[in-house]
Amino acid sequence: ILWGSSLGWATMFKLVPELPEVMAYIDRVGSRPAARRSAEADAALAAAQG
């Protein structure tokens, strides 16, 4: 999950090219249950901060 998230950020900042293989990997990692739980926790923390 760490590497998938890091690659996601790296592609957003154009540090890593958005190759189909890279994007597919990011999507696969992001669809894992632990990644979804992490995203939900981040969203809850952001909402709590206003």
C-alpha atoms as a PDB file:
ATOM      1  CA  ILE A   1       0.000   0.000   0.000  1.00  0.00           C
ATOM      2  CA  LEU A   2       2.867   2.349   0.791  1.00  0.00           C
ATOM      3  CA  TRP A   3       4.429   1.985  -2.665  1.00  0.00           C
ATOM      4  CA  GLY A   4       1.097   2.272  -4.458  1.00  0.00           C
ATOM      5  CA  SER A   5       0.320   5.480  -2.603  1.00  0.00           C
ATOM      6  CA  SER A   6       3.810   6.836  -3.219  1.00  0.00           C
ATOM      7  CA  LEU A   7       3.562   6.063  -6.921  1.00  0.00           C
ATOM      8  CA  GLY A   8       0.189   7.792  -7.018  1.00  0.00           C
ATOM      9  CA  TRP A   9       1.697  10.964  -5.584  1.00  0.00           C
ATOM     10  CA  ALA A  10       4.738  10.692  -7.842  1.00  0.00           C
ATOM     11  CA  THR A  11       2.550  10.484 -10.951  1.00  0.00           C
ATOM     12  CA  MET A  12       0.472  13.472  -9.795  1.00  0.00           C
ATOM     13  CA  PHE A  13       3.649  15.552  -9.557  1.00  0.00           C
ATOM     14  CA  LYS A  14       4.925  14.185 -12.900  1.00  0.00           C
ATOM     15  CA  LEU A  15       7.936  12.549 -11.238  1.00  0.00           C
ATOM     16  CA  VAL A  16       6.952   9.148 -12.642  1.00  0.00           C
ATOM     17  CA  PRO A  17       5.429   8.789 -16.112  1.00  0.00           C
ATOM     18  CA  GLU A  18       1.788   7.688 -16.241  1.00  0.00           C
ATOM     19  CA  LEU A  19       2.535   4.454 -18.060  1.00  0.00           C
ATOM     20  CA  PRO A  20      -0.384   2.020 -18.354  1.00  0.00           C
ATOM     21  CA  GLU A  21       1.459  -0.533 -16.220  1.00  0.00           C
ATOM     22  CA  VAL A  22       2.151   1.985 -13.465  1.00  0.00           C
ATOM     23  CA  MET A  23      -1.428   3.260 -13.443  1.00  0.00           C
ATOM     24  CA  ALA A  24      -2.796  -0.299 -13.359  1.00  0.00           C
ATOM     25  CA  TYR A  25      -0.579  -1.075 -10.361  1.00  0.00           C
ATOM     26  CA  ILE A  26      -1.753   2.061  -8.553  1.00  0.00           C
ATOM     27  CA  ASP A  27      -5.378   1.106  -9.253  1.00  0.00           C
ATOM     28  CA  ARG A  28      -4.851  -2.457  -8.007  1.00  0.00           C
ATOM     29  CA  VAL A  29      -3.211  -1.303  -4.799  1.00  0.00           C
ATOM     30  CA  GLY A  30      -5.865   1.372  -4.265  1.00  0.00           C
ATOM     31  CA  SER A  31      -8.645  -1.179  -4.547  1.00  0.00           C
ATOM     32  CA  ARG A  32      -7.281  -3.342  -1.722  1.00  0.00           C
ATOM     33  CA  PRO A  33      -9.373  -3.352   1.474  1.00  0.00           C
ATOM     34  CA  ALA A  34      -6.568  -1.875   3.589  1.00  0.00           C
ATOM     35  CA  ALA A  35      -6.087   0.972   1.118  1.00  0.00           C
ATOM     36  CA  ARG A  36      -9.805   1.743   1.190  1.00  0.00           C
ATOM     37  CA  ARG A  37      -9.805   1.736   5.003  1.00  0.00           C
ATOM     38  CA  SER A  38      -6.833   4.083   5.007  1.00  0.00           C
ATOM     39  CA  ALA A  39      -8.547   6.468   2.570  1.00  0.00           C
ATOM     40  CA  GLU A  40     -11.705   6.417   4.706  1.00  0.00           C
ATOM     41  CA  ALA A  41      -9.686   7.192   7.838  1.00  0.00           C
ATOM     42  CA  ASP A  42      -7.917  10.074   6.063  1.00  0.00           C
ATOM     43  CA  ALA A  43     -11.263  11.472   4.892  1.00  0.00           C
ATOM     44  CA  ALA A  44     -12.685  11.254   8.416  1.00  0.00           C
ATOM     45  CA  LEU A  45      -9.672  13.080   9.858  1.00  0.00           C
ATOM     46  CA  ALA A  46      -9.913  15.787   7.199  1.00  0.00           C
ATOM     47  CA  ALA A  47     -13.644  16.224   7.871  1.00  0.00           C
ATOM     48  CA  ALA A  48     -13.024  16.484  11.613  1.00  0.00           C
ATOM     49  CA  GLN A  49     -10.521  19.281  11.027  1.00  0.00           C
ATOM     50  CA  GLY A  50     -13.069  21.228   9.028  1.00  0.00           C
END
